[in-house]
């Protein structure tokens, strides 16, 4: 579970010219309920999809 949360924090907080970040801490996610983690996971997936779309549009 901790590895999943660490990866989730990395994805949510990573930022570059193609991806916006969300400032969320490990402690915030480790204290979440499972349904809240599902929400953050969906947000991370959406951010990655948007980033991939921007990259493909810029090529």
PDB file of N, CA and C in Angstrom:
ATOM      1  N   UNK A   1       0.825  -1.198   0.000  1.00  0.00           N
ATOM      2  CA  UNK A   1       0.000   0.000   0.000  1.00  0.00           C
ATOM      3  C   UNK A   1       0.866   1.257   0.000  1.00  0.00           C
ATOM      4  N   UNK A   2       1.951   1.236   0.759  1.00  0.00           N
ATOM      5  CA  UNK A   2       2.811   2.415   0.834  1.00  0.00           C
ATOM      6  C   UNK A   2       3.454   2.718  -0.512  1.00  0.00           C
ATOM      7  N   UNK A   3       3.835   1.668  -1.271  1.00  0.00           N
ATOM      8  CA  UNK A   3       4.412   1.884  -2.597  1.00  0.00           C
ATOM      9  C   UNK A   3       3.408   2.547  -3.527  1.00  0.00           C
ATOM     10  N   UNK A   4       2.158   2.130  -3.444  1.00  0.00           N
ATOM     11  CA  UNK A   4       1.114   2.730  -4.281  1.00  0.00           C
ATOM     12  C   UNK A   4       0.935   4.206  -3.946  1.00  0.00           C
ATOM     13  N   UNK A   5       0.935   4.518  -2.679  1.00  0.00           N
ATOM     14  CA  UNK A   5       0.762   5.911  -2.257  1.00  0.00           C
ATOM     15  C   UNK A   5       1.965   6.748  -2.666  1.00  0.00           C
ATOM     16  N   UNK A   6       3.164   6.190  -2.542  1.00  0.00           N
ATOM     17  CA  UNK A   6       4.362   6.919  -2.969  1.00  0.00           C
ATOM     18  C   UNK A   6       4.293   7.238  -4.455  1.00  0.00           C
ATOM     19  N   UNK A   7       3.903   6.266  -5.265  1.00  0.00           N
ATOM     20  CA  UNK A   7       3.763   6.484  -6.705  1.00  0.00           C
ATOM     21  C   UNK A   7       2.689   7.519  -6.987  1.00  0.00           C
ATOM     22  N   UNK A   8       1.590   7.442  -6.286  1.00  0.00           N
ATOM     23  CA  UNK A   8       0.501   8.395  -6.467  1.00  0.00           C
ATOM     24  C   UNK A   8       0.952   9.812  -6.141  1.00  0.00           C
ATOM     25  N   UNK A   9       1.691   9.994  -5.061  1.00  0.00           N
ATOM     26  CA  UNK A   9       2.225  11.314  -4.697  1.00  0.00           C
ATOM     27  C   UNK A   9       3.150  11.824  -5.800  1.00  0.00           C
ATOM     28  N   UNK A  10       4.001  10.956  -6.323  1.00  0.00           N
ATOM     29  CA  UNK A  10       4.916  11.362  -7.392  1.00  0.00           C
ATOM     30  C   UNK A  10       4.155  11.825  -8.629  1.00  0.00           C
ATOM     31  N   UNK A  11       3.138  11.091  -9.022  1.00  0.00           N
ATOM     32  CA  UNK A  11       2.357  11.455 -10.211  1.00  0.00           C
ATOM     33  C   UNK A  11       1.598  12.754  -9.984  1.00  0.00           C
ATOM     34  N   UNK A  12       0.963  12.896  -8.838  1.00  0.00           N
ATOM     35  CA  UNK A  12       0.173  14.095  -8.573  1.00  0.00           C
ATOM     36  C   UNK A  12       1.037  15.341  -8.436  1.00  0.00           C
ATOM     37  N   UNK A  13       2.236  15.196  -7.908  1.00  0.00           N
ATOM     38  CA  UNK A  13       3.085  16.357  -7.652  1.00  0.00           C
ATOM     39  C   UNK A  13       4.069  16.665  -8.768  1.00  0.00           C
ATOM     40  N   UNK A  14       4.226  15.762  -9.741  1.00  0.00           N
ATOM     41  CA  UNK A  14       5.160  16.000 -10.837  1.00  0.00           C
ATOM     42  C   UNK A  14       4.579  17.050 -11.776  1.00  0.00           C
ATOM     43  N   UNK A  15       5.425  17.962 -12.204  1.00  0.00           N
ATOM     44  CA  UNK A  15       4.980  19.018 -13.109  1.00  0.00           C
ATOM     45  C   UNK A  15       6.025  19.237 -14.186  1.00  0.00           C
ATOM     46  N   UNK A  16       5.559  19.463 -15.407  1.00  0.00           N
ATOM     47  CA  UNK A  16       6.422  19.903 -16.500  1.00  0.00           C
ATOM     48  C   UNK A  16       5.574  20.723 -17.457  1.00  0.00           C
ATOM     49  N   UNK A  17       6.105  21.012 -18.630  1.00  0.00           N
ATOM     50  CA  UNK A  17       5.361  21.874 -19.557  1.00  0.00           C
ATOM     51  C   UNK A  17       4.100  21.207 -20.094  1.00  0.00           C
ATOM     52  N   UNK A  18       3.987  19.889 -19.957  1.00  0.00           N
ATOM     53  CA  UNK A  18       2.824  19.170 -20.461  1.00  0.00           C
ATOM     54  C   UNK A  18       1.876  18.690 -19.371  1.00  0.00           C
ATOM     55  N   UNK A  19       2.248  18.853 -18.125  1.00  0.00           N
ATOM     56  CA  UNK A  19       1.421  18.337 -17.035  1.00  0.00           C
ATOM     57  C   UNK A  19       1.407  19.295 -15.857  1.00  0.00           C
ATOM     58  N   UNK A  20       0.229  19.577 -15.394  1.00  0.00           N
ATOM     59  CA  UNK A  20       0.040  20.394 -14.205  1.00  0.00           C
ATOM     60  C   UNK A  20       0.152  19.501 -12.976  1.00  0.00           C
ATOM     61  N   UNK A  21       0.639  20.046 -11.889  1.00  0.00           N
ATOM     62  CA  UNK A  21       0.748  19.244 -10.669  1.00  0.00           C
ATOM     63  C   UNK A  21      -0.311  19.657  -9.655  1.00  0.00           C
ATOM     64  N   UNK A  22      -0.541  18.753  -8.728  1.00  0.00           N
ATOM     65  CA  UNK A  22      -1.407  19.015  -7.584  1.00  0.00           C
ATOM     66  C   UNK A  22      -0.519  18.846  -6.364  1.00  0.00           C
ATOM     67  N   UNK A  23      -0.536  19.789  -5.478  1.00  0.00           N
ATOM     68  CA  UNK A  23       0.322  19.722  -4.302  1.00  0.00           C
ATOM     69  C   UNK A  23      -0.376  18.910  -3.213  1.00  0.00           C
ATOM     70  N   UNK A  24      -0.014  17.640  -3.120  1.00  0.00           N
ATOM     71  CA  UNK A  24      -0.604  16.761  -2.114  1.00  0.00           C
ATOM     72  C   UNK A  24       0.536  16.028  -1.409  1.00  0.00           C
ATOM     73  N   UNK A  25       0.398  15.850  -0.116  1.00  0.00           N
ATOM     74  CA  UNK A  25       1.476  15.223   0.655  1.00  0.00           C
ATOM     75  C   UNK A  25       1.215  13.729   0.853  1.00  0.00           C
ATOM     76  N   UNK A  26       2.294  13.033   1.138  1.00  0.00           N
ATOM     77  CA  UNK A  26       2.217  11.610   1.463  1.00  0.00           C
ATOM     78  C   UNK A  26       1.316  11.405   2.676  1.00  0.00           C
ATOM     79  N   UNK A  27       1.472  12.257   3.678  1.00  0.00           N
ATOM     80  CA  UNK A  27       0.678  12.133   4.905  1.00  0.00           C
ATOM     81  C   UNK A  27      -0.816  12.289   4.620  1.00  0.00           C
ATOM     82  N   UNK A  28      -1.145  13.188   3.711  1.00  0.00           N
ATOM     83  CA  UNK A  28      -2.552  13.369   3.347  1.00  0.00           C
ATOM     84  C   UNK A  28      -3.119  12.088   2.766  1.00  0.00           C
ATOM     85  N   UNK A  29      -2.379  11.490   1.840  1.00  0.00           N
ATOM     86  CA  UNK A  29      -2.877  10.280   1.184  1.00  0.00           C
ATOM     87  C   UNK A  29      -2.866   9.066   2.104  1.00  0.00           C
ATOM     88  N   UNK A  30      -1.870   8.948   2.954  1.00  0.00           N
ATOM     89  CA  UNK A  30      -1.794   7.786   3.842  1.00  0.00           C
ATOM     90  C   UNK A  30      -2.957   7.794   4.839  1.00  0.00           C
ATOM     91  N   UNK A  31      -3.509   8.967   5.128  1.00  0.00           N
ATOM     92  CA  UNK A  31      -4.630   9.076   6.060  1.00  0.00           C
ATOM     93  C   UNK A  31      -5.991   9.027   5.381  1.00  0.00           C
ATOM     94  N   UNK A  32      -6.009   8.864   4.067  1.00  0.00           N
ATOM     95  CA  UNK A  32      -7.273   8.813   3.325  1.00  0.00           C
ATOM     96  C   UNK A  32      -7.968   7.469   3.503  1.00  0.00           C
ATOM     97  N   UNK A  33      -9.266   7.519   3.342  1.00  0.00           N
ATOM     98  CA  UNK A  33     -10.041   6.286   3.265  1.00  0.00           C
ATOM     99  C   UNK A  33      -9.879   5.729   1.853  1.00  0.00           C
ATOM    100  N   UNK A  34     -10.250   4.483   1.655  1.00  0.00           N
ATOM    101  CA  UNK A  34     -10.072   3.854   0.341  1.00  0.00           C
ATOM    102  C   UNK A  34     -10.826   4.581  -0.763  1.00  0.00           C
ATOM    103  N   UNK A  35     -12.048   5.038  -0.494  1.00  0.00           N
ATOM    104  CA  UNK A  35     -12.787   5.735  -1.536  1.00  0.00           C
ATOM    105  C   UNK A  35     -12.129   7.069  -1.885  1.00  0.00           C
ATOM    106  N   UNK A  36     -11.466   7.695  -0.906  1.00  0.00           N
ATOM    107  CA  UNK A  36     -10.739   8.935  -1.185  1.00  0.00           C
ATOM    108  C   UNK A  36      -9.494   8.647  -2.016  1.00  0.00           C
ATOM    109  N   UNK A  37      -8.818   7.541  -1.742  1.00  0.00           N
ATOM    110  CA  UNK A  37      -7.660   7.151  -2.552  1.00  0.00           C
ATOM    111  C   UNK A  37      -8.081   6.862  -3.988  1.00  0.00           C
ATOM    112  N   UNK A  38      -9.255   6.276  -4.139  1.00  0.00           N
ATOM    113  CA  UNK A  38      -9.766   6.026  -5.491  1.00  0.00           C
ATOM    114  C   UNK A  38      -9.942   7.346  -6.242  1.00  0.00           C
ATOM    115  N   UNK A  39     -10.459   8.362  -5.568  1.00  0.00           N
ATOM    116  CA  UNK A  39     -10.602   9.683  -6.178  1.00  0.00           C
ATOM    117  C   UNK A  39      -9.247  10.219  -6.630  1.00  0.00           C
ATOM    118  N   UNK A  40      -8.237  10.175  -5.745  1.00  0.00           N
ATOM    119  CA  UNK A  40      -6.914  10.692  -6.090  1.00  0.00           C
ATOM    120  C   UNK A  40      -6.281   9.895  -7.216  1.00  0.00           C
ATOM    121  N   UNK A  41      -6.532   8.594  -7.231  1.00  0.00           N
ATOM    122  CA  UNK A  41      -6.022   7.767  -8.316  1.00  0.00           C
ATOM    123  C   UNK A  41      -6.656   8.179  -9.645  1.00  0.00           C
ATOM    124  N   UNK A  42      -7.941   8.431  -9.643  1.00  0.00           N
ATOM    125  CA  UNK A  42      -8.621   8.892 -10.857  1.00  0.00           C
ATOM    126  C   UNK A  42      -8.092  10.247 -11.305  1.00  0.00           C
ATOM    127  N   UNK A  43      -7.827  11.141 -10.361  1.00  0.00           N
ATOM    128  CA  UNK A  43      -7.235  12.454 -10.708  1.00  0.00           C
ATOM    129  C   UNK A  43      -5.878  12.283 -11.355  1.00  0.00           C
ATOM    130  N   UNK A  44      -5.056  11.398 -10.794  1.00  0.00           N
ATOM    131  CA  UNK A  44      -3.719  11.152 -11.348  1.00  0.00           C
ATOM    132  C   UNK A  44      -3.818  10.586 -12.760  1.00  0.00           C
ATOM    133  N   UNK A  45      -4.725   9.640 -12.969  1.00  0.00           N
ATOM    134  CA  UNK A  45      -4.912   9.072 -14.305  1.00  0.00           C
ATOM    135  C   UNK A  45      -5.346  10.140 -15.297  1.00  0.00           C
ATOM    136  N   UNK A  46      -6.244  11.021 -14.881  1.00  0.00           N
ATOM    137  CA  UNK A  46      -6.715  12.103 -15.754  1.00  0.00           C
ATOM    138  C   UNK A  46      -5.574  13.062 -16.091  1.00  0.00           C
ATOM    139  N   UNK A  47      -4.756  13.410 -15.109  1.00  0.00           N
ATOM    140  CA  UNK A  47      -3.611  14.286 -15.367  1.00  0.00           C
ATOM    141  C   UNK A  47      -2.660  13.655 -16.377  1.00  0.00           C
ATOM    142  N   UNK A  48      -2.415  12.361 -16.237  1.00  0.00           N
ATOM    143  CA  UNK A  48      -1.529  11.676 -17.177  1.00  0.00           C
ATOM    144  C   UNK A  48      -2.134  11.624 -18.576  1.00  0.00           C
ATOM    145  N   UNK A  49      -3.429  11.353 -18.671  1.00  0.00           N
ATOM    146  CA  UNK A  49      -4.099  11.344 -19.975  1.00  0.00           C
ATOM    147  C   UNK A  49      -4.006  12.710 -20.641  1.00  0.00           C
ATOM    148  N   UNK A  50      -4.272  13.759 -19.887  1.00  0.00           N
ATOM    149  CA  UNK A  50      -4.193  15.116 -20.432  1.00  0.00           C
ATOM    150  C   UNK A  50      -2.781  15.441 -20.899  1.00  0.00           C
ATOM    151  N   UNK A  51      -1.800  15.004 -20.137  1.00  0.00           N
ATOM    152  CA  UNK A  51      -0.405  15.236 -20.498  1.00  0.00           C
ATOM    153  C   UNK A  51      -0.056  14.514 -21.794  1.00  0.00           C
ATOM    154  N   UNK A  52      -0.458  13.258 -21.902  1.00  0.00           N
ATOM    155  CA  UNK A  52      -0.193  12.489 -23.117  1.00  0.00           C
ATOM    156  C   UNK A  52      -0.879  13.122 -24.322  1.00  0.00           C
ATOM    157  N   UNK A  53      -2.079  13.628 -24.127  1.00  0.00           N
ATOM    158  CA  UNK A  53      -2.805  14.289 -25.212  1.00  0.00           C
ATOM    159  C   UNK A  53      -2.060  15.548 -25.662  1.00  0.00           C
ATOM    160  N   UNK A  54      -1.594  16.357 -24.713  1.00  0.00           N
ATOM    161  CA  UNK A  54      -0.843  17.570 -25.059  1.00  0.00           C
ATOM    162  C   UNK A  54       0.443  17.238 -25.801  1.00  0.00           C
ATOM    163  N   UNK A  55       1.117  16.180 -25.377  1.00  0.00           N
ATOM    164  CA  UNK A  55       2.360  15.770 -26.035  1.00  0.00           C
ATOM    165  C   UNK A  55       2.078  15.347 -27.469  1.00  0.00           C
ATOM    166  N   UNK A  56       1.039  14.550 -27.674  1.00  0.00           N
ATOM    167  CA  UNK A  56       0.727  14.096 -29.033  1.00  0.00           C
ATOM    168  C   UNK A  56       0.268  15.243 -29.922  1.00  0.00           C
ATOM    169  N   UNK A  57      -0.420  16.225 -29.361  1.00  0.00           N
ATOM    170  CA  UNK A  57      -0.858  17.384 -30.142  1.00  0.00           C
ATOM    171  C   UNK A  57       0.310  18.281 -30.529  1.00  0.00           C
ATOM    172  N   UNK A  58       1.347  18.312 -29.718  1.00  0.00           N
ATOM    173  CA  UNK A  58       2.484  19.186 -30.002  1.00  0.00           C
ATOM    174  C   UNK A  58       3.468  18.559 -30.992  1.00  0.00           C
ATOM    175  N   UNK A  59       3.306  17.283 -31.292  1.00  0.00           N
ATOM    176  CA  UNK A  59       4.217  16.612 -32.235  1.00  0.00           C
ATOM    177  C   UNK A  59       3.812  16.832 -33.660  1.00  0.00           C
TER     178      UNK A  59
END
